Amino acid sequence: MAPRPASSFKSERRTRVGAGIAGRVLQGVARTVRRAQERLAHPLRRRAAVRRVSRHAPPQVVLMVCHGNICRSPYAAALLRRSLAPVVGDRIRVASAGFVRPGRPCPGVAVEVAAARGLELSMHRSQLLAGPEVFAADLILVMDPTQRRAIRAIFGRSSNDVLVLGDFDPEPIVTREIRDPVEQPKEVFELSYSQIERCVGELVRAVSLSVQRAASLTPSGRDPDGERSGRQEQTA
């Protein structure tokens, strides 16, 4: 069998390289379009998320979820726990979990950044997301829409019960995802934790409204505006 000419190999290589570049360009365009859509939809999603929490009975169990449960969700859970204490004391239990590898500590930089913000993460060990925790939670907060879809697909939870934490951000967003800072510089942890603080602040305000509304309900189960409690609303 005669050997293929070198020009043939070069032509195939150029084709593969060109296809790879074209694929990356298309992925970049799709990402840009998706993020533009997320920015435009953010005000509506934010109002829907706040309304979902504020117009329902206060949750008894809140579950924070991220991929590995070593950076974002432990910080979000610790912050929510501290922020809810003046509102409801210890009546709301806050937990966190992830999709992979239980038993891991938070990275040193996560512990450092959290400590500077008054939160202790040095004793945290990652928990694996499992049925008992998922089904016990009245409200589940995730760090990106992919995690939300996974929880709904695996555990069958309603879209009404699983919210994207980034949707609570009171500031304009680049993307709904709260960036995963794992193995990133300290500055990325600062940015992610600052966004989590903004979102948790809005979440706590929504829970406070829920608590006030629950206290004002009449014996018939209707609020002062005549709307029955527990009404289900779907969020995008």
C-alpha atoms as a PDB file:
ATOM      1  CA  MET A   1       0.000   0.000   0.000  1.00  0.00           C
ATOM      2  CA  ALA A   2       1.496   3.305  -1.066  1.00  0.00           C
ATOM      3  CA  PRO A   3       2.143   5.845   1.715  1.00  0.00           C
ATOM      4  CA  ARG A   4      -0.130   8.854   1.827  1.00  0.00           C
ATOM      5  CA  PRO A   5       1.469  12.084   0.705  1.00  0.00           C
ATOM      6  CA  ALA A   6       2.464  14.541   3.404  1.00  0.00           C
ATOM      7  CA  SER A   7       0.163  17.133   1.890  1.00  0.00           C
ATOM      8  CA  SER A   8      -2.818  14.892   2.683  1.00  0.00           C
ATOM      9  CA  PHE A   9      -1.917  14.746   6.377  1.00  0.00           C
ATOM     10  CA  LYS A  10      -1.406  18.509   6.446  1.00  0.00           C
ATOM     11  CA  SER A  11      -4.785  19.051   4.807  1.00  0.00           C
ATOM     12  CA  GLU A  12      -6.533  16.823   7.374  1.00  0.00           C
ATOM     13  CA  ARG A  13      -4.750  18.585  10.202  1.00  0.00           C
ATOM     14  CA  ARG A  14      -5.823  21.999   8.901  1.00  0.00           C
ATOM     15  CA  THR A  15      -9.398  20.705   8.640  1.00  0.00           C
ATOM     16  CA  ARG A  16      -9.378  19.441  12.233  1.00  0.00           C
ATOM     17  CA  VAL A  17      -7.830  22.647  13.525  1.00  0.00           C
ATOM     18  CA  GLY A  18     -10.343  24.718  11.575  1.00  0.00           C
ATOM     19  CA  ALA A  19     -13.230  22.661  12.900  1.00  0.00           C
ATOM     20  CA  GLY A  20     -11.930  23.057  16.434  1.00  0.00           C
ATOM     21  CA  ILE A  21     -11.640  26.823  16.087  1.00  0.00           C
ATOM     22  CA  ALA A  22     -15.109  27.051  14.538  1.00  0.00           C
ATOM     23  CA  GLY A  23     -16.529  24.962  17.385  1.00  0.00           C
ATOM     24  CA  ARG A  24     -14.946  27.206  20.012  1.00  0.00           C
ATOM     25  CA  VAL A  25     -16.235  30.306  18.244  1.00  0.00           C
ATOM     26  CA  LEU A  26     -19.764  28.886  18.136  1.00  0.00           C
ATOM     27  CA  GLN A  27     -19.557  27.973  21.818  1.00  0.00           C
ATOM     28  CA  GLY A  28     -18.422  31.503  22.613  1.00  0.00           C
ATOM     29  CA  VAL A  29     -21.267  33.019  20.628  1.00  0.00           C
ATOM     30  CA  ALA A  30     -23.803  30.738  22.313  1.00  0.00           C
ATOM     31  CA  ARG A  31     -22.407  31.650  25.741  1.00  0.00           C
ATOM     32  CA  THR A  32     -22.596  35.363  24.931  1.00  0.00           C
ATOM     33  CA  VAL A  33     -26.200  35.068  23.748  1.00  0.00           C
ATOM     34  CA  ARG A  34     -27.189  33.016  26.795  1.00  0.00           C
ATOM     35  CA  ARG A  35     -25.640  35.503  29.198  1.00  0.00           C
ATOM     36  CA  ALA A  36     -27.337  38.410  27.414  1.00  0.00           C
ATOM     37  CA  GLN A  37     -30.664  36.634  27.831  1.00  0.00           C
ATOM     38  CA  GLU A  38     -29.915  36.005  31.518  1.00  0.00           C
ATOM     39  CA  ARG A  39     -29.092  39.681  32.095  1.00  0.00           C
ATOM     40  CA  LEU A  40     -32.342  40.783  30.466  1.00  0.00           C
ATOM     41  CA  ALA A  41     -34.416  38.228  32.378  1.00  0.00           C
ATOM     42  CA  HIS A  42     -32.767  38.893  35.742  1.00  0.00           C
ATOM     43  CA  PRO A  43     -35.197  41.558  37.073  1.00  0.00           C
ATOM     44  CA  LEU A  44     -38.159  39.273  36.387  1.00  0.00           C
ATOM     45  CA  ARG A  45     -36.429  36.246  37.868  1.00  0.00           C
ATOM     46  CA  ARG A  46     -35.434  38.228  40.931  1.00  0.00           C
ATOM     47  CA  ARG A  47     -39.002  39.369  41.579  1.00  0.00           C
ATOM     48  CA  ALA A  48     -40.277  35.815  41.075  1.00  0.00           C
ATOM     49  CA  ALA A  49     -37.700  34.366  43.487  1.00  0.00           C
ATOM     50  CA  VAL A  50     -38.438  36.943  46.178  1.00  0.00           C
ATOM     51  CA  ARG A  51     -42.163  36.439  45.732  1.00  0.00           C
ATOM     52  CA  ARG A  52     -41.791  32.651  45.921  1.00  0.00           C
ATOM     53  CA  VAL A  53     -40.186  32.940  49.374  1.00  0.00           C
ATOM     54  CA  SER A  54     -42.104  35.888  50.777  1.00  0.00           C
ATOM     55  CA  ARG A  55     -45.569  34.634  49.757  1.00  0.00           C
ATOM     56  CA  HIS A  56     -45.188  31.121  51.207  1.00  0.00           C
ATOM     57  CA  ALA A  57     -45.002  29.832  54.746  1.00  0.00           C
ATOM     58  CA  PRO A  58     -41.525  30.286  56.253  1.00  0.00           C
ATOM     59  CA  PRO A  59     -39.343  27.261  55.466  1.00  0.00           C
ATOM     60  CA  GLN A  60     -38.363  24.992  58.302  1.00  0.00           C
ATOM     61  CA  VAL A  61     -35.358  23.523  56.495  1.00  0.00           C
ATOM     62  CA  VAL A  62     -33.203  25.282  53.884  1.00  0.00           C
ATOM     63  CA  LEU A  63     -30.582  23.382  51.898  1.00  0.00           C
ATOM     64  CA  MET A  64     -27.700  25.154  50.133  1.00  0.00           C
ATOM     65  CA  VAL A  65     -26.165  23.165  47.276  1.00  0.00           C
ATOM     66  CA  CYS A  66     -23.079  23.586  45.110  1.00  0.00           C
ATOM     67  CA  HIS A  67     -20.912  21.163  43.149  1.00  0.00           C
ATOM     68  CA  GLY A  68     -18.436  20.068  45.800  1.00  0.00           C
ATOM     69  CA  ASN A  69     -19.793  21.594  49.034  1.00  0.00           C
ATOM     70  CA  ILE A  70     -16.401  23.036  49.967  1.00  0.00           C
ATOM     71  CA  CYS A  71     -16.506  26.669  48.785  1.00  0.00           C
ATOM     72  CA  ARG A  72     -19.832  28.262  47.911  1.00  0.00           C
ATOM     73  CA  SER A  73     -22.600  26.357  49.686  1.00  0.00           C
ATOM     74  CA  PRO A  74     -20.804  26.095  53.071  1.00  0.00           C
ATOM     75  CA  TYR A  75     -20.274  29.839  53.082  1.00  0.00           C
ATOM     76  CA  ALA A  76     -23.842  30.539  51.942  1.00  0.00           C
ATOM     77  CA  ALA A  77     -25.242  28.210  54.624  1.00  0.00           C
ATOM     78  CA  ALA A  78     -23.117  29.724  57.409  1.00  0.00           C
ATOM     79  CA  LEU A  79     -24.053  33.232  56.343  1.00  0.00           C
ATOM     80  CA  LEU A  80     -27.759  32.412  56.072  1.00  0.00           C
ATOM     81  CA  ARG A  81     -27.692  30.750  59.488  1.00  0.00           C
ATOM     82  CA  ARG A  82     -26.140  33.837  61.063  1.00  0.00           C
ATOM     83  CA  SER A  83     -28.411  36.254  59.203  1.00  0.00           C
ATOM     84  CA  LEU A  84     -31.624  34.399  60.076  1.00  0.00           C
ATOM     85  CA  ALA A  85     -30.871  34.227  63.800  1.00  0.00           C
ATOM     86  CA  PRO A  86     -32.216  37.725  64.591  1.00  0.00           C
ATOM     87  CA  VAL A  87     -35.328  36.996  62.515  1.00  0.00           C
ATOM     88  CA  VAL A  88     -36.357  33.483  63.578  1.00  0.00           C
ATOM     89  CA  GLY A  89     -33.784  32.350  66.143  1.00  0.00           C
ATOM     90  CA  ASP A  90     -33.022  28.682  65.528  1.00  0.00           C
ATOM     91  CA  ARG A  91     -36.448  27.780  64.123  1.00  0.00           C
ATOM     92  CA  ILE A  92     -35.086  27.387  60.579  1.00  0.00           C
ATOM     93  CA  ARG A  93     -32.460  24.704  60.053  1.00  0.00           C
ATOM     94  CA  VAL A  94     -29.864  25.473  57.377  1.00  0.00           C
ATOM     95  CA  ALA A  95     -27.743  22.709  55.832  1.00  0.00           C
ATOM     96  CA  SER A  96     -25.484  22.342  52.804  1.00  0.00           C
ATOM     97  CA  ALA A  97     -24.421  19.540  50.462  1.00  0.00           C
ATOM     98  CA  GLY A  98     -22.761  18.830  47.125  1.00  0.00           C
ATOM     99  CA  PHE A  99     -22.772  16.366  44.257  1.00  0.00           C
ATOM    100  CA  VAL A 100     -19.336  14.791  44.780  1.00  0.00           C
ATOM    101  CA  ARG A 101     -16.850  13.364  47.307  1.00  0.00           C
ATOM    102  CA  PRO A 102     -17.979  13.789  50.919  1.00  0.00           C
ATOM    103  CA  GLY A 103     -15.692  14.368  53.868  1.00  0.00           C
ATOM    104  CA  ARG A 104     -13.454  17.086  52.403  1.00  0.00           C
ATOM    105  CA  PRO A 105     -12.505  20.295  54.237  1.00  0.00           C
ATOM    106  CA  CYS A 106     -12.876  23.765  52.768  1.00  0.00           C
ATOM    107  CA  PRO A 107      -9.759  25.088  51.006  1.00  0.00           C
ATOM    108  CA  GLY A 108      -7.518  27.257  53.158  1.00  0.00           C
ATOM    109  CA  VAL A 109      -8.290  30.375  51.143  1.00  0.00           C
ATOM    110  CA  ALA A 110     -12.041  29.792  51.636  1.00  0.00           C
ATOM    111  CA  VAL A 111     -11.510  29.525  55.389  1.00  0.00           C
ATOM    112  CA  GLU A 112      -9.385  32.692  55.334  1.00  0.00           C
ATOM    113  CA  VAL A 113     -11.832  34.795  53.332  1.00  0.00           C
ATOM    114  CA  ALA A 114     -14.797  33.574  55.383  1.00  0.00           C
ATOM    115  CA  ALA A 115     -12.986  34.291  58.654  1.00  0.00           C
ATOM    116  CA  ALA A 116     -12.310  37.857  57.541  1.00  0.00           C
ATOM    117  CA  ARG A 117     -16.083  38.167  57.111  1.00  0.00           C
ATOM    118  CA  GLY A 118     -16.786  36.731  60.545  1.00  0.00           C
ATOM    119  CA  LEU A 119     -17.688  33.175  59.562  1.00  0.00           C
ATOM    120  CA  GLU A 120     -15.984  29.946  60.634  1.00  0.00           C
ATOM    121  CA  LEU A 121     -15.531  27.245  57.986  1.00  0.00           C
ATOM    122  CA  SER A 122     -12.485  25.403  59.329  1.00  0.00           C
ATOM    123  CA  MET A 123     -14.567  22.591  60.843  1.00  0.00           C
ATOM    124  CA  HIS A 124     -16.749  22.055  57.776  1.00  0.00           C
ATOM    125  CA  ARG A 125     -16.587  18.743  55.920  1.00  0.00           C
ATOM    126  CA  SER A 126     -18.392  18.244  52.639  1.00  0.00           C
ATOM    127  CA  GLN A 127     -21.678  16.342  52.624  1.00  0.00           C
ATOM    128  CA  LEU A 128     -22.967  14.310  49.693  1.00  0.00           C
ATOM    129  CA  LEU A 129     -26.362  15.333  48.349  1.00  0.00           C
ATOM    130  CA  ALA A 130     -28.776  12.515  49.181  1.00  0.00           C
ATOM    131  CA  GLY A 131     -32.481  11.814  49.271  1.00  0.00           C
ATOM    132  CA  PRO A 132     -33.161  12.362  52.994  1.00  0.00           C
ATOM    133  CA  GLU A 133     -31.658  15.858  52.966  1.00  0.00           C
ATOM    134  CA  VAL A 134     -33.276  16.805  49.662  1.00  0.00           C
ATOM    135  CA  PHE A 135     -36.751  15.629  50.654  1.00  0.00           C
ATOM    136  CA  ALA A 136     -36.518  17.176  54.125  1.00  0.00           C
ATOM    137  CA  ALA A 137     -35.803  20.631  52.719  1.00  0.00           C
ATOM    138  CA  ASP A 138     -38.655  23.073  52.191  1.00  0.00           C
ATOM    139  CA  LEU A 139     -36.397  25.299  50.109  1.00  0.00           C
ATOM    140  CA  ILE A 140     -33.271  24.376  48.126  1.00  0.00           C
ATOM    141  CA  LEU A 141     -30.848  27.011  46.831  1.00  0.00           C
ATOM    142  CA  VAL A 142     -28.347  26.104  44.107  1.00  0.00           C
ATOM    143  CA  MET A 143     -25.462  27.982  42.531  1.00  0.00           C
ATOM    144  CA  ASP A 144     -26.379  27.535  38.871  1.00  0.00           C
ATOM    145  CA  PRO A 145     -29.291  26.385  36.685  1.00  0.00           C
ATOM    146  CA  THR A 146     -27.568  23.083  35.824  1.00  0.00           C
ATOM    147  CA  GLN A 147     -27.644  22.062  39.484  1.00  0.00           C
ATOM    148  CA  ARG A 148     -31.301  22.993  39.657  1.00  0.00           C
ATOM    149  CA  ARG A 149     -32.103  20.776  36.679  1.00  0.00           C
ATOM    150  CA  ALA A 150     -30.091  17.912  38.191  1.00  0.00           C
ATOM    151  CA  ILE A 151     -31.956  18.046  41.506  1.00  0.00           C
ATOM    152  CA  ARG A 152     -35.300  18.136  39.761  1.00  0.00           C
ATOM    153  CA  ALA A 153     -34.350  15.220  37.483  1.00  0.00           C
ATOM    154  CA  ILE A 154     -32.751  13.015  40.149  1.00  0.00           C
ATOM    155  CA  PHE A 155     -35.038  13.699  43.100  1.00  0.00           C
ATOM    156  CA  GLY A 156     -38.226  14.888  41.424  1.00  0.00           C
ATOM    157  CA  ARG A 157     -38.419  18.139  43.359  1.00  0.00           C
ATOM    158  CA  SER A 158     -40.687  20.864  42.003  1.00  0.00           C
ATOM    159  CA  SER A 159     -39.182  23.899  40.276  1.00  0.00           C
ATOM    160  CA  ASN A 160     -41.008  25.866  42.949  1.00  0.00           C
ATOM    161  CA  ASP A 161     -38.845  24.302  45.646  1.00  0.00           C
ATOM    162  CA  VAL A 162     -35.423  24.662  43.964  1.00  0.00           C
ATOM    163  CA  LEU A 163     -34.222  28.209  43.318  1.00  0.00           C
ATOM    164  CA  VAL A 164     -31.028  29.629  41.849  1.00  0.00           C
ATOM    165  CA  LEU A 165     -29.388  31.719  44.576  1.00  0.00           C
ATOM    166  CA  GLY A 166     -27.976  34.161  42.005  1.00  0.00           C
ATOM    167  CA  ASP A 167     -31.525  35.140  41.019  1.00  0.00           C
ATOM    168  CA  PHE A 168     -31.782  37.036  44.331  1.00  0.00           C
ATOM    169  CA  ASP A 169     -28.872  39.354  43.445  1.00  0.00           C
ATOM    170  CA  PRO A 170     -30.083  42.973  43.762  1.00  0.00           C
ATOM    171  CA  GLU A 171     -27.357  44.122  41.343  1.00  0.00           C
ATOM    172  CA  PRO A 172     -27.165  43.572  37.568  1.00  0.00           C
ATOM    173  CA  ILE A 173     -25.638  40.198  36.741  1.00  0.00           C
ATOM    174  CA  VAL A 174     -23.272  38.795  34.141  1.00  0.00           C
ATOM    175  CA  THR A 175     -24.659  35.285  34.576  1.00  0.00           C
ATOM    176  CA  ARG A 176     -27.079  33.488  36.906  1.00  0.00           C
ATOM    177  CA  GLU A 177     -24.252  31.254  38.105  1.00  0.00           C
ATOM    178  CA  ILE A 178     -22.356  32.172  41.241  1.00  0.00           C
ATOM    179  CA  ARG A 179     -18.809  31.500  40.103  1.00  0.00           C
ATOM    180  CA  ASP A 180     -17.050  28.497  41.615  1.00  0.00           C
ATOM    181  CA  PRO A 181     -13.823  29.853  43.161  1.00  0.00           C
ATOM    182  CA  VAL A 182     -12.221  26.459  43.841  1.00  0.00           C
ATOM    183  CA  GLU A 183      -8.522  26.447  42.855  1.00  0.00           C
ATOM    184  CA  GLN A 184      -8.827  30.127  41.918  1.00  0.00           C
ATOM    185  CA  PRO A 185      -6.994  33.147  43.383  1.00  0.00           C
ATOM    186  CA  LYS A 186      -8.230  34.786  46.559  1.00  0.00           C
ATOM    187  CA  GLU A 187      -9.786  37.613  44.529  1.00  0.00           C
ATOM    188  CA  VAL A 188     -12.243  35.152  42.961  1.00  0.00           C
ATOM    189  CA  PHE A 189     -13.299  33.940  46.427  1.00  0.00           C
ATOM    190  CA  GLU A 190     -13.876  37.556  47.426  1.00  0.00           C
ATOM    191  CA  LEU A 191     -16.061  38.183  44.380  1.00  0.00           C
ATOM    192  CA  SER A 192     -18.076  34.975  44.806  1.00  0.00           C
ATOM    193  CA  TYR A 193     -18.570  35.504  48.530  1.00  0.00           C
ATOM    194  CA  SER A 194     -19.594  39.132  47.988  1.00  0.00           C
ATOM    195  CA  GLN A 195     -22.260  38.017  45.523  1.00  0.00           C
ATOM    196  CA  ILE A 196     -23.431  35.325  47.926  1.00  0.00           C
ATOM    197  CA  GLU A 197     -23.740  37.996  50.634  1.00  0.00           C
ATOM    198  CA  ARG A 198     -25.912  40.167  48.403  1.00  0.00           C
ATOM    199  CA  CYS A 199     -28.138  37.229  47.476  1.00  0.00           C
ATOM    200  CA  VAL A 200     -28.453  35.927  51.024  1.00  0.00           C
ATOM    201  CA  GLY A 201     -29.349  39.422  52.197  1.00  0.00           C
ATOM    202  CA  GLU A 202     -32.273  39.505  49.771  1.00  0.00           C
ATOM    203  CA  LEU A 203     -33.251  35.965  50.718  1.00  0.00           C
ATOM    204  CA  VAL A 204     -33.344  36.889  54.404  1.00  0.00           C
ATOM    205  CA  ARG A 205     -35.515  39.910  53.639  1.00  0.00           C
ATOM    206  CA  ALA A 206     -37.916  37.645  51.755  1.00  0.00           C
ATOM    207  CA  VAL A 207     -38.017  35.191  54.657  1.00  0.00           C
ATOM    208  CA  SER A 208     -38.690  38.096  57.040  1.00  0.00           C
ATOM    209  CA  LEU A 209     -41.683  39.098  54.921  1.00  0.00           C
ATOM    210  CA  SER A 210     -42.854  35.489  54.988  1.00  0.00           C
ATOM    211  CA  VAL A 211     -42.609  35.418  58.772  1.00  0.00           C
ATOM    212  CA  GLN A 212     -44.554  38.679  59.056  1.00  0.00           C
ATOM    213  CA  ARG A 213     -47.189  37.438  56.642  1.00  0.00           C
ATOM    214  CA  ALA A 214     -47.577  34.162  58.512  1.00  0.00           C
ATOM    215  CA  ALA A 215     -48.100  36.081  61.757  1.00  0.00           C
ATOM    216  CA  SER A 216     -50.823  38.191  60.131  1.00  0.00           C
ATOM    217  CA  LEU A 217     -52.852  35.324  58.649  1.00  0.00           C
ATOM    218  CA  THR A 218     -56.457  35.069  59.754  1.00  0.00           C
ATOM    219  CA  PRO A 219     -57.869  31.761  61.057  1.00  0.00           C
ATOM    220  CA  SER A 220     -59.369  31.149  57.610  1.00  0.00           C
ATOM    221  CA  GLY A 221     -55.887  30.970  56.138  1.00  0.00           C
ATOM    222  CA  ARG A 222     -56.242  34.206  54.214  1.00  0.00           C
ATOM    223  CA  ASP A 223     -53.899  37.140  54.467  1.00  0.00           C
ATOM    224  CA  PRO A 224     -55.150  40.721  54.930  1.00  0.00           C
ATOM    225  CA  ASP A 225     -55.354  41.091  51.132  1.00  0.00           C
ATOM    226  CA  GLY A 226     -57.650  38.082  50.894  1.00  0.00           C
ATOM    227  CA  GLU A 227     -55.145  35.732  49.238  1.00  0.00           C
ATOM    228  CA  ARG A 228     -54.924  32.191  50.540  1.00  0.00           C
ATOM    229  CA  SER A 229     -51.546  31.148  51.891  1.00  0.00           C
ATOM    230  CA  GLY A 230     -49.443  28.443  50.269  1.00  0.00           C
ATOM    231  CA  ARG A 231     -50.258  29.428  46.711  1.00  0.00           C
ATOM    232  CA  GLN A 232     -47.820  27.847  44.268  1.00  0.00           C
ATOM    233  CA  GLU A 233     -45.884  30.004  41.819  1.00  0.00           C
ATOM    234  CA  GLN A 234     -43.509  28.703  39.197  1.00  0.00           C
ATOM    235  CA  THR A 235     -40.159  30.411  38.721  1.00  0.00           C
ATOM    236  CA  ALA A 236     -38.207  30.308  35.497  1.00  0.00           C
END
